[in-house]
N, C-alpha and C. Protein backbone atom coordinates (compact mmCIF):
# COMPACT_ATOMS: atom_id res chain seq x y z
N UNK A 1 138.86 13.82 97.77
CA UNK A 1 137.72 14.97 97.53
C UNK A 1 138.37 16.28 97.10
N UNK A 2 137.64 17.33 96.46
CA UNK A 2 138.50 18.58 96.10
C UNK A 2 137.81 19.25 97.47
N UNK A 3 139.29 19.77 98.33
CA UNK A 3 138.33 20.87 99.40
C UNK A 3 138.85 22.02 98.91
N UNK A 4 138.02 22.90 98.42
CA UNK A 4 138.31 23.93 97.51
C UNK A 4 138.74 25.11 98.58
N UNK A 5 137.69 24.99 99.72
CA UNK A 5 137.62 25.95 101.11
C UNK A 5 138.78 25.88 101.93
N UNK A 6 139.50 24.35 101.66
CA UNK A 6 140.13 24.26 103.04
C UNK A 6 139.21 23.87 104.51
N UNK A 7 138.07 23.40 103.92
CA UNK A 7 137.18 23.17 105.37
C UNK A 7 137.35 22.37 106.26
N UNK A 8 138.84 21.38 105.79
CA UNK A 8 139.27 20.39 106.59
C UNK A 8 139.86 21.03 107.84
N UNK A 9 140.16 22.16 107.72
CA UNK A 9 141.21 23.32 109.07
C UNK A 9 139.42 23.15 110.26
N UNK A 10 138.38 23.05 109.81
CA UNK A 10 137.58 23.10 110.97
C UNK A 10 137.27 22.17 111.37
N UNK A 11 137.13 20.87 110.74
CA UNK A 11 137.52 19.35 111.20
C UNK A 11 138.53 19.18 112.02
N UNK A 12 139.49 19.26 111.37
CA UNK A 12 140.40 19.41 112.55
C UNK A 12 140.84 19.78 113.70
N UNK A 13 139.97 21.22 113.51
CA UNK A 13 140.26 21.91 114.51
C UNK A 13 138.88 21.63 115.99
N UNK A 14 137.94 21.18 114.95
CA UNK A 14 136.65 20.18 116.28
C UNK A 14 136.55 18.87 116.46
N UNK A 15 136.90 18.25 115.62
CA UNK A 15 137.57 16.98 116.20
C UNK A 15 137.79 16.46 117.64
N UNK A 16 138.67 17.02 117.94
CA UNK A 16 139.14 16.62 119.30
C UNK A 16 138.76 17.24 120.36
N UNK A 17 137.59 18.57 120.31
CA UNK A 17 136.69 19.19 121.56
C UNK A 17 135.38 19.06 121.05
N UNK A 18 134.80 18.85 120.25
CA UNK A 18 133.52 18.57 119.26
C UNK A 18 132.37 18.55 120.87
N UNK A 19 132.58 16.88 121.17
CA UNK A 19 131.84 16.38 122.21
C UNK A 19 131.99 17.35 123.46
N UNK A 20 133.01 17.79 123.65
CA UNK A 20 133.41 18.45 124.62
C UNK A 20 132.41 19.88 124.92
N UNK A 21 132.67 20.13 123.94
CA UNK A 21 132.11 21.68 123.45
C UNK A 21 130.51 21.39 123.22
N UNK A 22 129.62 20.56 122.84
CA UNK A 22 128.54 20.10 123.01
C UNK A 22 127.87 19.94 124.33
N UNK A 23 128.74 19.07 124.73
CA UNK A 23 128.24 19.00 126.40
C UNK A 23 128.04 20.54 126.98
N UNK A 24 129.07 21.22 127.08
CA UNK A 24 128.87 22.48 127.57
C UNK A 24 128.05 23.29 127.02
N UNK A 25 127.74 23.49 125.88
CA UNK A 25 126.74 24.05 125.36
C UNK A 25 125.50 23.40 125.65
N UNK A 26 124.57 22.39 125.89
CA UNK A 26 123.72 21.47 126.22
C UNK A 26 124.17 21.82 127.89
N UNK A 27 124.99 22.49 128.93
CA UNK A 27 124.57 22.88 130.02
C UNK A 27 124.37 24.80 129.96
N UNK A 28 124.07 25.21 128.74
CA UNK A 28 123.58 26.34 128.58
C UNK A 28 125.14 27.22 128.65
N UNK A 29 125.84 26.70 128.17
CA UNK A 29 127.27 28.17 128.49
C UNK A 29 127.73 27.40 126.95
N UNK A 30 129.08 28.29 126.64
CA UNK A 30 129.91 28.15 125.48
C UNK A 30 131.08 29.04 125.85
N UNK A 31 132.11 28.44 125.73
CA UNK A 31 133.35 29.18 125.55
C UNK A 31 134.02 29.57 124.21
N UNK A 32 134.50 30.57 124.02
CA UNK A 32 134.98 31.74 123.11
C UNK A 32 136.13 30.38 122.00
N UNK A 33 136.92 29.47 122.65
CA UNK A 33 137.70 29.32 121.43
C UNK A 33 136.79 27.93 121.07
N UNK A 34 135.79 27.63 121.46
CA UNK A 34 134.88 26.50 120.61
C UNK A 34 134.27 27.19 119.82
N UNK A 35 133.59 28.62 120.34
CA UNK A 35 132.80 29.10 119.34
C UNK A 35 133.28 29.77 117.97
N UNK A 36 134.53 29.96 118.42
CA UNK A 36 135.41 30.26 116.98
C UNK A 36 135.30 29.11 115.90
N UNK A 37 135.35 27.81 116.60
CA UNK A 37 135.67 26.87 115.56
C UNK A 37 134.03 26.24 114.92
N UNK A 38 133.01 26.20 115.76
CA UNK A 38 131.76 25.78 115.79
C UNK A 38 130.95 26.59 114.71
N UNK A 39 130.82 27.76 115.12
CA UNK A 39 130.05 28.78 115.07
C UNK A 39 130.90 29.97 114.19
N UNK A 40 131.74 29.93 112.85
CA UNK A 40 132.61 30.53 112.33
C UNK A 40 131.61 31.89 111.77
N UNK A 41 132.36 32.81 111.43
CA UNK A 41 131.75 33.99 111.10
C UNK A 41 132.73 34.56 109.64
N UNK A 42 131.94 35.63 109.13
CA UNK A 42 132.78 35.86 107.82
C UNK A 42 133.39 36.81 107.97
N UNK A 43 134.72 37.01 107.38
CA UNK A 43 135.98 37.31 107.60
C UNK A 43 135.44 39.05 106.85
N UNK A 44 136.24 39.97 107.84
CA UNK A 44 135.77 41.16 107.31
C UNK A 44 136.80 41.93 106.94
N UNK A 45 136.64 43.05 105.76
CA UNK A 45 137.56 43.76 105.06
C UNK A 45 138.01 44.73 105.67
N UNK A 46 137.44 45.01 107.04
CA UNK A 46 138.04 45.66 107.72
C UNK A 46 138.62 45.74 108.85
N UNK A 47 139.51 44.86 108.72
CA UNK A 47 139.91 44.47 110.78
C UNK A 47 141.58 44.68 110.00
N UNK A 48 142.01 45.42 111.24
CA UNK A 48 143.35 45.63 111.74
C UNK A 48 144.19 44.60 112.42
N UNK A 49 143.67 43.50 112.69
CA UNK A 49 144.05 42.20 113.01
C UNK A 49 144.61 41.23 112.08
N UNK A 50 145.02 40.51 112.75
CA UNK A 50 145.69 39.27 111.68
C UNK A 50 144.39 38.79 111.48
N UNK A 51 144.43 37.98 110.52
CA UNK A 51 143.08 37.06 109.76
C UNK A 51 142.82 36.00 110.83
N UNK A 52 141.69 35.69 110.83
CA UNK A 52 141.04 34.77 111.67
C UNK A 52 141.57 33.21 110.52
N UNK A 53 142.11 32.60 111.15
CA UNK A 53 142.07 30.99 110.50
C UNK A 53 140.58 30.25 110.08
N UNK A 54 139.89 30.93 111.00
CA UNK A 54 138.45 30.12 110.90
C UNK A 54 137.72 31.29 110.66
N UNK A 55 137.63 32.41 109.70
CA UNK A 55 136.73 33.19 108.98
C UNK A 55 136.37 32.28 107.62
N UNK A 56 135.07 32.53 107.50
CA UNK A 56 134.63 32.29 106.18
C UNK A 56 134.78 33.33 105.29
N UNK A 57 135.52 32.93 103.86
CA UNK A 57 135.51 34.14 103.13
C UNK A 57 134.68 34.32 102.35
N UNK A 58 133.13 33.59 102.47
CA UNK A 58 132.47 33.92 101.32
C UNK A 58 130.98 33.27 101.20
N UNK A 59 129.84 33.86 100.72
CA UNK A 59 128.83 33.18 100.62
C UNK A 59 128.85 31.47 100.60
N UNK A 60 129.66 31.19 98.94
CA UNK A 60 130.09 30.21 98.64
C UNK A 60 130.95 28.96 99.51
N UNK A 61 131.69 29.45 100.64
CA UNK A 61 132.18 28.88 101.37
C UNK A 61 131.14 28.41 102.30
N UNK A 62 130.31 29.63 102.98
CA UNK A 62 129.24 29.07 103.76
C UNK A 62 128.66 28.12 103.26
N UNK A 63 128.20 27.62 102.14
CA UNK A 63 127.06 26.95 101.75
C UNK A 63 127.90 25.15 101.70
N UNK A 64 129.38 25.38 101.33
CA UNK A 64 130.12 24.53 101.54
C UNK A 64 130.31 23.96 102.55
N UNK A 65 130.33 24.76 103.70
CA UNK A 65 130.40 24.30 105.05
C UNK A 65 129.33 23.97 105.47
N UNK A 66 127.92 24.33 105.32
CA UNK A 66 126.73 23.91 105.60
C UNK A 66 126.61 22.19 104.70
N UNK A 67 126.97 21.89 103.43
CA UNK A 67 126.89 20.91 102.42
C UNK A 67 127.81 19.76 103.21
N UNK A 68 128.65 20.23 104.02
CA UNK A 68 130.31 19.36 104.36
C UNK A 68 128.93 18.64 105.65
N UNK A 69 128.60 17.16 105.13
CA UNK A 69 127.90 16.10 106.05
C UNK A 69 128.35 16.37 107.68
N UNK A 70 129.89 16.57 107.97
CA UNK A 70 130.34 16.96 108.81
C UNK A 70 130.13 17.84 109.75
N UNK A 71 130.47 18.72 109.23
CA UNK A 71 130.05 20.40 109.48
C UNK A 71 129.05 21.14 109.66
N UNK A 72 128.27 20.55 108.63
CA UNK A 72 127.09 20.86 108.07
C UNK A 72 126.02 20.14 109.77
N UNK A 73 126.37 19.09 109.63
CA UNK A 73 125.58 18.23 110.78
C UNK A 73 126.07 18.57 112.14
N UNK A 74 126.92 19.17 112.55
CA UNK A 74 127.58 19.60 113.90
C UNK A 74 126.80 21.04 113.99
N UNK A 75 127.12 21.93 113.05
CA UNK A 75 126.41 22.97 113.02
C UNK A 75 124.61 22.75 113.31
N UNK A 76 124.34 21.98 112.67
CA UNK A 76 122.75 21.99 112.80
C UNK A 76 122.54 21.26 114.26
N UNK A 77 123.50 20.26 114.69
CA UNK A 77 123.39 19.71 116.01
C UNK A 77 123.61 20.97 117.10
N UNK A 78 124.19 21.75 116.59
CA UNK A 78 124.53 23.03 118.07
C UNK A 78 122.98 23.68 117.57
N UNK A 79 122.97 24.07 116.73
CA UNK A 79 121.41 25.05 116.76
C UNK A 79 120.51 24.26 117.48
N UNK A 80 120.48 23.17 116.96
CA UNK A 80 119.02 22.28 117.73
C UNK A 80 119.45 22.17 119.26
N UNK A 81 120.39 21.90 119.72
CA UNK A 81 120.78 22.46 121.33
C UNK A 81 120.14 24.20 121.64
N UNK A 82 120.65 25.00 120.71
CA UNK A 82 120.25 26.50 121.02
C UNK A 82 118.64 26.34 121.15
N UNK A 83 118.27 25.65 120.19
CA UNK A 83 116.84 25.56 120.48
C UNK A 83 116.19 25.41 121.67
N UNK A 84 116.94 24.48 122.25
CA UNK A 84 116.43 24.03 123.66
C UNK A 84 116.93 24.82 124.88
N UNK A 85 117.59 25.76 124.39
CA UNK A 85 117.64 26.61 125.67
C UNK A 85 117.25 28.20 125.28
N UNK A 86 116.27 28.18 124.69
CA UNK A 86 115.48 29.34 124.09
C UNK A 86 114.67 29.86 125.66
N UNK A 87 114.78 29.21 126.82
CA UNK A 87 114.19 30.37 127.92
C UNK A 87 115.11 31.06 128.57
N UNK A 88 116.51 30.76 128.20
CA UNK A 88 117.67 31.42 128.17
C UNK A 88 118.23 32.64 127.20
N UNK A 89 119.22 34.03 127.55
CA UNK A 89 119.27 34.91 126.30
C UNK A 89 120.42 34.44 125.92
N UNK A 90 120.58 34.86 124.66
CA UNK A 90 122.00 34.51 124.11
C UNK A 90 122.90 35.17 124.87
N UNK A 91 123.11 35.79 125.53
CA UNK A 91 124.24 36.80 126.41
C UNK A 91 124.08 35.70 127.64
N UNK A 92 123.00 35.20 128.11
CA UNK A 92 123.52 34.45 129.24
C UNK A 92 124.03 32.98 128.85
N UNK A 93 123.93 32.82 127.70
CA UNK A 93 124.62 31.66 126.76
C UNK A 93 125.71 31.63 126.97
N UNK A 94 126.11 33.09 126.15
CA UNK A 94 127.62 33.21 125.26
C UNK A 94 128.28 34.48 125.83
N UNK A 95 127.48 35.03 126.78
CA UNK A 95 128.30 36.44 126.92
C UNK A 95 128.19 37.55 126.08
N UNK A 96 128.37 38.79 126.36
CA UNK A 96 127.92 39.83 125.62
C UNK A 96 128.63 39.80 123.67
N UNK A 97 129.93 39.68 123.78
CA UNK A 97 130.56 39.50 122.98
C UNK A 97 130.72 38.42 122.31
N UNK A 98 130.52 37.80 122.69
CA UNK A 98 130.24 35.82 122.09
C UNK A 98 128.80 35.98 121.33
N UNK A 99 128.09 36.38 122.03
CA UNK A 99 126.58 36.82 121.54
C UNK A 99 126.21 37.09 120.25
N UNK A 100 127.37 38.45 120.11
CA UNK A 100 127.11 38.93 118.66
C UNK A 100 128.10 38.40 117.99
N UNK A 101 129.13 37.51 118.19
CA UNK A 101 129.50 36.76 117.40
C UNK A 101 128.81 35.55 116.77
N UNK A 102 128.00 35.01 117.54
CA UNK A 102 126.93 34.19 117.53
C UNK A 102 126.05 34.41 116.31
N UNK A 103 125.49 36.04 116.30
CA UNK A 103 124.35 36.23 115.77
C UNK A 103 124.98 36.50 114.44
N UNK A 104 126.25 36.86 114.55
CA UNK A 104 127.20 37.09 113.02
C UNK A 104 127.25 35.39 112.05
N UNK A 105 127.36 35.01 113.13
CA UNK A 105 127.60 33.50 112.19
C UNK A 105 126.31 33.12 111.53
N UNK A 106 125.31 33.10 112.21
CA UNK A 106 124.06 32.91 112.07
C UNK A 106 123.11 33.49 110.97
N UNK A 107 123.68 34.91 110.33
CA UNK A 107 123.28 35.52 109.97
C UNK A 107 124.11 35.10 108.79
N UNK A 108 125.56 34.73 108.89
CA UNK A 108 126.17 34.16 107.48
C UNK A 108 125.67 33.21 106.96
N UNK A 109 125.14 32.26 107.80
CA UNK A 109 124.87 30.95 107.08
C UNK A 109 123.10 30.56 107.02
N UNK A 110 122.88 32.01 107.27
CA UNK A 110 121.10 32.07 107.13
C UNK A 110 121.30 32.33 105.33
N UNK A 111 122.26 33.09 104.92
CA UNK A 111 122.38 34.10 103.66
C UNK A 111 122.94 33.21 102.94
N UNK A 112 123.72 32.26 103.12
CA UNK A 112 124.32 31.01 102.86
C UNK A 112 122.83 30.03 101.71
N UNK A 113 121.94 29.85 102.83
CA UNK A 113 120.99 28.84 102.34
C UNK A 113 119.95 29.26 102.54
N UNK A 114 119.07 28.76 101.58
CA UNK A 114 117.67 29.08 101.76
C UNK A 114 116.78 28.15 102.43
N UNK A 115 117.28 27.44 103.03
CA UNK A 115 116.37 26.42 103.52
C UNK A 115 116.33 26.34 105.39
N UNK A 116 117.18 26.94 106.00
CA UNK A 116 117.61 26.82 107.11
C UNK A 116 116.76 27.20 107.92
N UNK A 117 115.32 26.67 108.61
CA UNK A 117 114.51 26.75 109.32
C UNK A 117 114.97 27.08 110.80
N UNK A 118 115.82 25.98 111.17
CA UNK A 118 116.85 25.88 112.41
C UNK A 118 117.14 27.68 112.80
N UNK A 119 117.98 28.15 111.87
CA UNK A 119 118.63 29.52 111.87
C UNK A 119 117.35 30.59 112.32
N UNK A 120 116.50 30.66 111.04
CA UNK A 120 115.63 31.55 111.39
C UNK A 120 114.78 31.47 112.75
N UNK A 121 114.63 30.57 113.34
CA UNK A 121 114.27 30.25 114.50
C UNK A 121 114.93 30.96 115.40
N UNK A 122 116.49 30.89 115.52
CA UNK A 122 117.23 31.41 116.57
C UNK A 122 117.47 32.74 116.42
N UNK A 123 116.96 33.20 115.15
CA UNK A 123 116.68 34.81 115.33
C UNK A 123 115.46 35.15 115.88
N UNK A 124 114.33 34.83 115.62
CA UNK A 124 113.06 34.82 116.41
C UNK A 124 113.40 34.99 118.09
N UNK A 125 113.72 33.73 118.14
CA UNK A 125 113.92 33.48 119.67
C UNK A 125 114.99 34.86 120.41
N UNK A 126 116.27 35.06 119.99
CA UNK A 126 117.33 35.19 120.37
C UNK A 126 117.55 36.83 120.27
N UNK A 127 117.11 37.36 119.05
CA UNK A 127 117.87 38.42 118.20
C UNK A 127 116.54 39.23 117.53
N UNK A 128 115.11 39.26 117.69
CA UNK A 128 114.22 39.35 117.58
C UNK A 128 114.11 39.89 116.13
N UNK A 129 114.26 38.53 115.49
CA UNK A 129 113.84 38.37 113.92
C UNK A 129 115.11 38.98 113.41
N UNK A 130 115.92 40.02 113.85
CA UNK A 130 116.70 40.39 113.17
C UNK A 130 118.02 39.77 112.67
N UNK A 131 118.65 40.33 111.48
CA UNK A 131 120.09 39.38 110.62
C UNK A 131 121.07 40.59 111.64
N UNK A 132 122.28 40.14 111.63
CA UNK A 132 123.49 41.17 111.90
C UNK A 132 123.67 42.11 110.69
N UNK A 133 123.30 43.19 111.27
CA UNK A 133 123.49 44.20 109.79
C UNK A 133 125.14 44.30 109.59
N UNK A 134 125.94 44.47 110.76
CA UNK A 134 127.11 44.34 109.99
C UNK A 134 127.80 43.42 109.40
N UNK A 135 127.25 42.17 109.29
CA UNK A 135 127.62 40.96 108.60
C UNK A 135 126.74 41.26 107.08
N UNK A 136 125.62 41.65 107.25
CA UNK A 136 124.88 42.01 105.92
C UNK A 136 125.81 42.84 105.33
N UNK A 137 126.33 43.81 105.75
CA UNK A 137 126.85 44.88 104.92
C UNK A 137 128.19 44.35 104.51
N UNK A 138 128.85 43.63 105.67
CA UNK A 138 130.11 43.10 104.57
C UNK A 138 129.56 42.06 103.50
N UNK A 139 128.83 41.70 103.78
CA UNK A 139 128.47 40.76 102.41
C UNK A 139 128.08 41.08 101.12
N UNK A 140 127.55 42.46 101.19
CA UNK A 140 127.28 43.22 100.61
C UNK A 140 128.25 44.08 99.47
N UNK A 141 129.32 44.19 100.39
CA UNK A 141 130.81 44.60 99.99
C UNK A 141 131.49 43.53 99.16
N UNK A 142 131.55 42.21 99.56
CA UNK A 142 132.08 41.33 98.63
C UNK A 142 130.87 40.72 97.54
N UNK A 143 130.16 41.07 97.71
CA UNK A 143 129.15 40.33 96.26
C UNK A 143 128.82 41.52 95.47
């Protein structure tokens, strides 16, 4: 199988911790290390930091991630869990910084897919129906 975007890096990182991360998420919490590998974000062009090994470089890569039976399936499963937490806020589940990261991830993957109703629902529930502006601006820079 051709792995043009090295998506195997996500599978390798997720495999040993996915069930634990899913269990934590079902309890209405999430910790940053799991967030980074399960809800990846767009790589930013204006970062002074070292590149994030789990950043997504393009809409094509995000689309490939969603198309992966394993990664796309896990992403959708986690979004399904988030839907069941709709009585909480994103900040309550993730904390301020990680709620912003989740918003960025949802924006990236909603822009990479035309049929992700699950993602749209989360924007309505937790982000006032709005996309993450920074992610949209970054996507405009790379397209």
